[in-house]
Amino acid sequence: MISVITPVYNGERFIESCIKVVIDQNCPDVEHIIVDGGSTDGTVKIVKQYAEKYPHIRWISEKDKGQSDAMNKGIAMANGEVLAILNVDDYYEPNVLKRISEIFKTLPEPSLLVGNCNTWDDEDNLLSVNKPAKMKLADLLLGWSINQFPANPSAYFYHTSLHQKIGLYKVGEHYAMDLDFILRAVQVANVRYVDETWGNFRYHQSSKTFQSNARGEANSVMKSIMTAYRKDLPLFQQWQIALQYDNEISERVKYYLRKIKYFLKNPLKLPLSVKGKVTKIFG
C-alpha cells in the first residue's frame, strides 16, 4: 500500500483538487492521509465531504508545530509500506501511483525512488522540468546550479521503514525539511532515479517556497543545511565541494591553493628562502 500524506493549513483553494488527484489515480492500494493544522477557512468542510464518500481518505484536524510536525503525524498514522508526501497545492501525473507500486515490487528495503517534476507558475506556465539524475550525497552538496536535487516531494517516494534509519522530519525546520530529509536519506537508502515525469510543483505567490524566497530566507537556510552535511564527507571532498559551491571563499584563498598544488608537483621550483626553512625542518 502507498500512504499519501497531505499536510494542510487554510488550503481551501487547493484541497479539493488535491483530493481529486489521488482519487483519479485509480490506484486500489492507496490511502490518503490529510493532516490539517486547525484551518479556519473551508478546508475541513471539504475534507469531511470527501471522507464520507471515499473510505481511503483518513484525516485529522488539530493545531500542530508546522509542516514537518504535520507530516510526522501523518507518518504515525500510515499503514502503507511506501510513503508519499503530496502538498496541497501540488499534483501527480496520471497513473503515477500504479507505476510506483509496480517499481517498488522490484526494490530492496529501504529504497528512495526519484522521478522528474514540472514546476508551474500561477498562470500555469511551465517554468522548468526538474531532473535530479545524480543523487549521491557528494553530488547534491555541489549545489543546485551544478546538480539538481528533487524540487518537490510529488516526484519521489520511499519505503516507510526509511524513517527507522534516519528519523522523522525535523520539526524545527520549516522551509527546507525536504532538502534535509533527502540529504539524510541518500546516505542509507537504495536510491533509484527514473527519467519519467511524475510530479507537478506549483510555484505561486501564496506558497511557502515563493514567500521564503521573496524574503531572502531560502538561500541562507539551504546553504546552512548543505554546509552542515558536508562534514559527513571525507576532508578532501569537503574542500572540493567548498571550492565549487561556496562563492564566499575569497580569490586570495584560491590563489594560495593553486600555489600549493603547483609547488607540490614542482618542489625544485620552491623559492630559496622556503627551501632553507624546509631543509632546517626535514634535514
Protein backbone atom coordinates (compact mmCIF):
# COMPACT_ATOMS: atom_id res chain seq x y z
CA MET A 1 0.00 0.00 0.00
CA ILE A 2 1.04 3.58 -0.69
CA SER A 3 0.27 6.13 2.02
CA VAL A 4 -0.09 9.62 0.54
CA ILE A 5 0.26 12.27 3.26
CA THR A 6 -1.04 15.80 2.70
CA PRO A 7 -0.24 18.45 5.34
CA VAL A 8 -2.53 21.44 5.04
CA TYR A 9 -3.46 24.67 6.78
CA ASN A 10 -6.05 27.01 5.30
CA GLY A 11 -5.77 25.30 1.96
CA GLU A 12 -9.32 25.85 0.75
CA ARG A 13 -8.09 27.00 -2.67
CA PHE A 14 -6.37 23.69 -3.49
CA ILE A 15 -7.64 20.96 -1.14
CA GLU A 16 -10.43 19.68 -3.39
CA SER A 17 -8.18 19.37 -6.45
CA CYS A 18 -5.55 17.63 -4.28
CA ILE A 19 -8.10 15.07 -3.08
CA LYS A 20 -9.35 14.51 -6.64
CA VAL A 21 -5.81 13.97 -7.93
CA VAL A 22 -5.39 10.96 -5.64
CA ILE A 23 -8.88 9.65 -6.45
CA ASP A 24 -8.24 9.96 -10.19
CA GLN A 25 -5.09 7.85 -9.90
CA ASN A 26 -7.45 4.84 -9.76
CA CYS A 27 -4.92 3.02 -7.61
CA PRO A 28 -6.74 0.45 -5.46
CA ASP A 29 -3.90 0.06 -2.95
CA VAL A 30 -3.63 3.63 -1.63
CA GLU A 31 -4.69 5.62 1.41
CA HIS A 32 -4.81 9.41 1.53
CA ILE A 33 -3.98 10.84 4.96
CA ILE A 34 -4.84 14.52 5.31
CA VAL A 35 -3.33 16.28 8.33
CA ASP A 36 -4.97 19.66 8.88
CA GLY A 37 -3.40 22.13 11.27
CA GLY A 38 -6.66 23.60 12.54
CA SER A 39 -7.73 25.55 9.45
CA THR A 40 -10.08 28.50 9.87
CA ASP A 41 -11.31 28.55 6.27
CA GLY A 42 -13.39 25.93 4.43
CA THR A 43 -10.66 23.27 4.26
CA VAL A 44 -12.07 20.94 6.92
CA LYS A 45 -15.59 21.09 5.47
CA ILE A 46 -14.33 19.96 2.06
CA VAL A 47 -12.21 17.17 3.58
CA LYS A 48 -15.20 15.89 5.58
CA GLN A 49 -17.41 15.78 2.49
CA TYR A 50 -14.95 13.65 0.54
CA ALA A 51 -14.01 11.43 3.51
CA GLU A 52 -17.67 10.44 3.87
CA LYS A 53 -17.73 9.20 0.27
CA TYR A 54 -14.24 7.69 -0.06
CA PRO A 55 -13.02 5.24 2.61
CA HIS A 56 -9.37 5.56 1.50
CA ILE A 57 -9.36 9.12 2.94
CA ARG A 58 -8.33 9.44 6.59
CA TRP A 59 -7.87 12.78 8.29
CA ILE A 60 -7.30 14.73 11.49
CA SER A 61 -7.57 18.43 12.27
CA GLU A 62 -5.70 19.89 15.21
CA LYS A 63 -3.06 22.50 15.96
CA ASP A 64 0.49 21.49 15.14
CA LYS A 65 4.02 22.90 15.21
CA GLY A 66 4.25 23.41 11.46
CA GLN A 67 4.52 21.40 8.26
CA SER A 68 7.18 18.97 9.49
CA ASP A 69 5.12 18.17 12.58
CA ALA A 70 2.05 17.57 10.40
CA MET A 71 3.99 15.19 8.13
CA ASN A 72 5.27 13.28 11.15
CA LYS A 73 1.72 12.88 12.41
CA GLY A 74 0.74 11.51 9.03
CA ILE A 75 3.63 9.03 9.10
CA ALA A 76 2.47 7.81 12.51
CA MET A 77 -0.99 7.17 11.03
CA ALA A 78 0.25 5.49 7.84
CA ASN A 79 -0.45 1.83 7.10
CA GLY A 80 1.45 1.69 3.81
CA GLU A 81 4.87 0.20 3.14
CA VAL A 82 5.54 3.11 0.79
CA LEU A 83 5.21 6.80 1.68
CA ALA A 84 4.46 9.83 -0.47
CA ILE A 85 4.16 13.48 0.57
CA LEU A 86 1.72 15.45 -1.57
CA ASN A 87 1.47 19.10 -0.60
CA VAL A 88 -1.99 20.54 -1.01
CA ASP A 89 -1.06 22.73 -3.99
CA ASP A 90 0.88 20.06 -5.92
CA TYR A 91 -0.29 17.11 -8.03
CA TYR A 92 0.68 13.88 -9.77
CA GLU A 93 0.73 12.98 -13.41
CA PRO A 94 -1.98 10.43 -14.41
CA ASN A 95 -1.48 6.81 -13.27
CA VAL A 96 1.72 7.58 -11.39
CA LEU A 97 0.78 5.69 -8.23
CA LYS A 98 0.19 2.45 -10.16
CA ARG A 99 3.58 2.88 -11.78
CA ILE A 100 5.21 3.48 -8.40
CA SER A 101 3.57 0.38 -6.91
CA GLU A 102 4.98 -1.79 -9.68
CA ILE A 103 8.51 -0.40 -9.38
CA PHE A 104 8.63 -0.86 -5.61
CA LYS A 105 7.96 -4.58 -6.04
CA THR A 106 11.48 -4.80 -7.51
CA LEU A 107 13.32 -2.60 -4.98
CA PRO A 108 15.14 -3.61 -1.78
CA GLU A 109 14.14 -2.03 1.50
CA PRO A 110 14.62 0.80 2.27
CA SER A 111 14.61 2.49 -1.12
CA LEU A 112 14.14 6.05 -2.32
CA LEU A 113 12.58 6.29 -5.78
CA VAL A 114 13.01 9.60 -7.62
CA GLY A 115 11.47 10.90 -10.84
CA ASN A 116 11.16 14.22 -12.66
CA CYS A 117 8.99 17.16 -11.61
CA ASN A 118 7.40 20.02 -13.55
CA THR A 119 7.43 23.48 -11.97
CA TRP A 120 4.49 25.78 -12.85
CA ASP A 121 3.74 29.42 -12.10
CA ASP A 122 0.42 31.00 -11.07
CA GLU A 123 -0.71 31.21 -14.69
CA ASP A 124 0.09 27.57 -15.48
CA ASN A 125 3.22 28.42 -17.44
CA LEU A 126 5.88 25.71 -17.29
CA LEU A 127 8.92 27.23 -15.60
CA SER A 128 11.22 24.22 -15.60
CA VAL A 129 11.49 20.44 -15.52
CA ASN A 130 13.49 19.16 -12.57
CA LYS A 131 15.60 16.09 -13.45
CA PRO A 132 17.67 15.10 -10.40
CA ALA A 133 19.68 12.33 -12.08
CA LYS A 134 22.66 12.44 -9.68
CA MET A 135 21.59 11.56 -6.16
CA LYS A 136 24.78 10.75 -4.27
CA LEU A 137 25.46 12.96 -1.25
CA ALA A 138 28.61 14.46 -2.77
CA ASP A 139 26.68 15.30 -5.98
CA LEU A 140 23.83 17.01 -4.15
CA LEU A 141 26.16 19.06 -1.96
CA LEU A 142 27.65 20.71 -5.03
CA GLY A 143 24.51 22.83 -5.12
CA TRP A 144 21.51 23.31 -7.38
CA SER A 145 23.43 25.12 -10.13
CA ILE A 146 25.71 22.08 -10.61
CA ASN A 147 23.49 19.09 -9.74
CA GLN A 148 19.77 19.47 -9.21
CA PHE A 149 18.21 17.83 -6.19
CA PRO A 150 14.50 16.89 -6.07
CA ALA A 151 12.42 20.06 -6.32
CA ASN A 152 9.29 18.68 -4.72
CA PRO A 153 8.08 15.51 -2.94
CA SER A 154 5.36 14.96 -5.54
CA ALA A 155 8.12 13.31 -7.61
CA TYR A 156 9.71 10.99 -5.06
CA PHE A 157 8.53 8.03 -2.99
CA TYR A 158 10.19 5.87 -0.35
CA HIS A 159 9.79 2.91 1.99
CA THR A 160 8.18 3.84 5.30
CA SER A 161 10.95 1.90 7.06
CA LEU A 162 13.47 4.52 5.91
CA HIS A 163 12.38 6.68 8.84
CA GLN A 164 13.53 3.97 11.23
CA LYS A 165 17.07 4.56 9.99
CA ILE A 166 17.15 8.34 9.60
CA GLY A 167 14.44 9.58 11.95
CA LEU A 168 11.43 11.74 11.16
CA TYR A 169 11.23 15.20 9.59
CA LYS A 170 12.84 17.86 11.78
CA VAL A 171 10.04 19.76 13.49
CA GLY A 172 12.16 22.88 13.90
CA GLU A 173 12.83 23.06 10.15
CA HIS A 174 10.02 24.97 8.41
CA TYR A 175 11.45 25.83 4.97
CA ALA A 176 13.91 23.16 3.86
CA MET A 177 12.66 19.99 5.55
CA ASP A 178 12.58 18.24 2.16
CA LEU A 179 16.24 19.01 1.47
CA ASP A 180 17.27 17.92 4.95
CA PHE A 181 15.34 14.66 4.51
CA ILE A 182 16.89 13.94 1.11
CA LEU A 183 20.45 14.55 2.37
CA ARG A 184 19.89 12.07 5.20
CA ALA A 185 18.03 9.55 3.05
CA VAL A 186 20.61 9.20 0.26
CA GLN A 187 23.23 8.14 2.80
CA VAL A 188 21.37 4.97 3.83
CA ALA A 189 18.74 4.19 1.18
CA ASN A 190 18.96 2.35 -2.09
CA VAL A 191 18.39 5.30 -4.44
CA ARG A 192 16.92 4.81 -7.89
CA TYR A 193 16.29 7.60 -10.38
CA VAL A 194 13.84 7.07 -13.24
CA ASP A 195 13.77 9.54 -16.12
CA GLU A 196 9.97 9.92 -16.11
CA THR A 197 7.86 12.90 -15.06
CA TRP A 198 5.74 12.04 -12.03
CA GLY A 199 5.11 15.25 -10.09
CA ASN A 200 3.97 18.83 -10.53
CA PHE A 201 5.03 21.69 -8.27
CA ARG A 202 3.09 24.96 -8.22
CA TYR A 203 5.39 27.89 -7.53
CA HIS A 204 2.75 30.52 -6.77
CA GLN A 205 2.80 33.73 -4.74
CA SER A 206 0.95 32.29 -1.75
CA SER A 207 3.22 29.22 -1.47
CA LYS A 208 5.70 28.92 1.38
CA THR A 209 8.56 28.44 -1.08
CA PHE A 210 7.73 31.61 -3.01
CA GLN A 211 7.36 33.69 0.16
CA SER A 212 10.60 32.43 1.73
CA ASN A 213 12.47 33.21 -1.50
CA ALA A 214 10.91 36.68 -1.60
CA ARG A 215 12.12 37.34 1.95
CA GLY A 216 15.58 36.08 1.08
CA GLU A 217 15.40 33.29 3.66
CA ALA A 218 15.51 30.23 1.41
CA ASN A 219 19.10 30.56 0.18
CA SER A 220 20.59 31.12 3.63
CA VAL A 221 18.65 28.19 5.13
CA MET A 222 19.63 25.83 2.31
CA LYS A 223 23.25 26.94 2.46
CA SER A 224 23.36 26.32 6.21
CA ILE A 225 21.94 22.81 5.82
CA MET A 226 24.27 21.88 2.98
CA THR A 227 27.31 23.21 4.82
CA ALA A 228 26.43 21.06 7.83
CA TYR A 229 26.14 17.92 5.70
CA ARG A 230 29.49 18.47 4.05
CA LYS A 231 31.01 17.35 7.34
CA ASP A 232 29.83 13.81 6.56
CA LEU A 233 32.24 13.66 3.63
CA PRO A 234 35.99 12.96 3.58
CA LEU A 235 38.06 16.11 4.09
CA PHE A 236 39.32 16.21 0.50
CA GLN A 237 35.77 16.08 -0.84
CA GLN A 238 34.74 18.82 1.59
CA TRP A 239 37.37 21.12 0.07
CA GLN A 240 36.42 20.19 -3.48
CA ILE A 241 32.79 20.99 -2.84
CA ALA A 242 33.56 24.19 -0.98
CA LEU A 243 35.66 25.47 -3.87
CA GLN A 244 32.91 24.79 -6.40
CA TYR A 245 29.87 25.74 -4.33
CA ASP A 246 30.80 28.43 -1.81
CA ASN A 247 31.14 31.77 -3.55
CA GLU A 248 32.30 33.40 -0.32
CA ILE A 249 35.72 31.73 -0.49
CA SER A 250 37.99 34.56 -1.47
CA GLU A 251 40.05 34.63 -4.64
CA ARG A 252 43.13 35.02 -2.43
CA VAL A 253 42.47 31.66 -0.77
CA LYS A 254 42.00 30.07 -4.19
CA TYR A 255 45.27 31.68 -5.31
CA TYR A 256 47.25 30.12 -2.45
CA LEU A 257 45.64 26.74 -3.02
CA ARG A 258 46.74 26.87 -6.65
CA LYS A 259 50.26 27.78 -5.50
CA ILE A 260 50.37 24.87 -3.08
CA LYS A 261 49.20 22.48 -5.76
CA TYR A 262 51.85 23.81 -8.19
CA PHE A 263 54.76 23.50 -5.76
CA LEU A 264 53.67 20.02 -4.67
CA LYS A 265 54.13 19.00 -8.30
CA ASN A 266 57.30 21.11 -8.77
CA PRO A 267 59.25 21.10 -5.45
CA LEU A 268 62.51 22.13 -7.15
CA LYS A 269 60.98 25.48 -8.05
CA LEU A 270 60.38 26.49 -4.43
CA PRO A 271 61.94 29.87 -3.52
CA LEU A 272 65.37 29.62 -1.85
CA SER A 273 64.11 31.10 1.42
CA VAL A 274 61.40 28.45 1.59
CA LYS A 275 63.88 25.70 0.66
CA GLY A 276 66.09 26.76 3.54
CA LYS A 277 63.27 26.52 6.04
CA VAL A 278 62.24 23.15 4.65
CA THR A 279 65.83 21.93 4.94
CA LYS A 280 66.03 23.02 8.60
CA ILE A 281 62.81 21.20 9.39
CA PHE A 282 63.44 17.99 7.48
CA GLY A 283 67.21 17.99 7.02
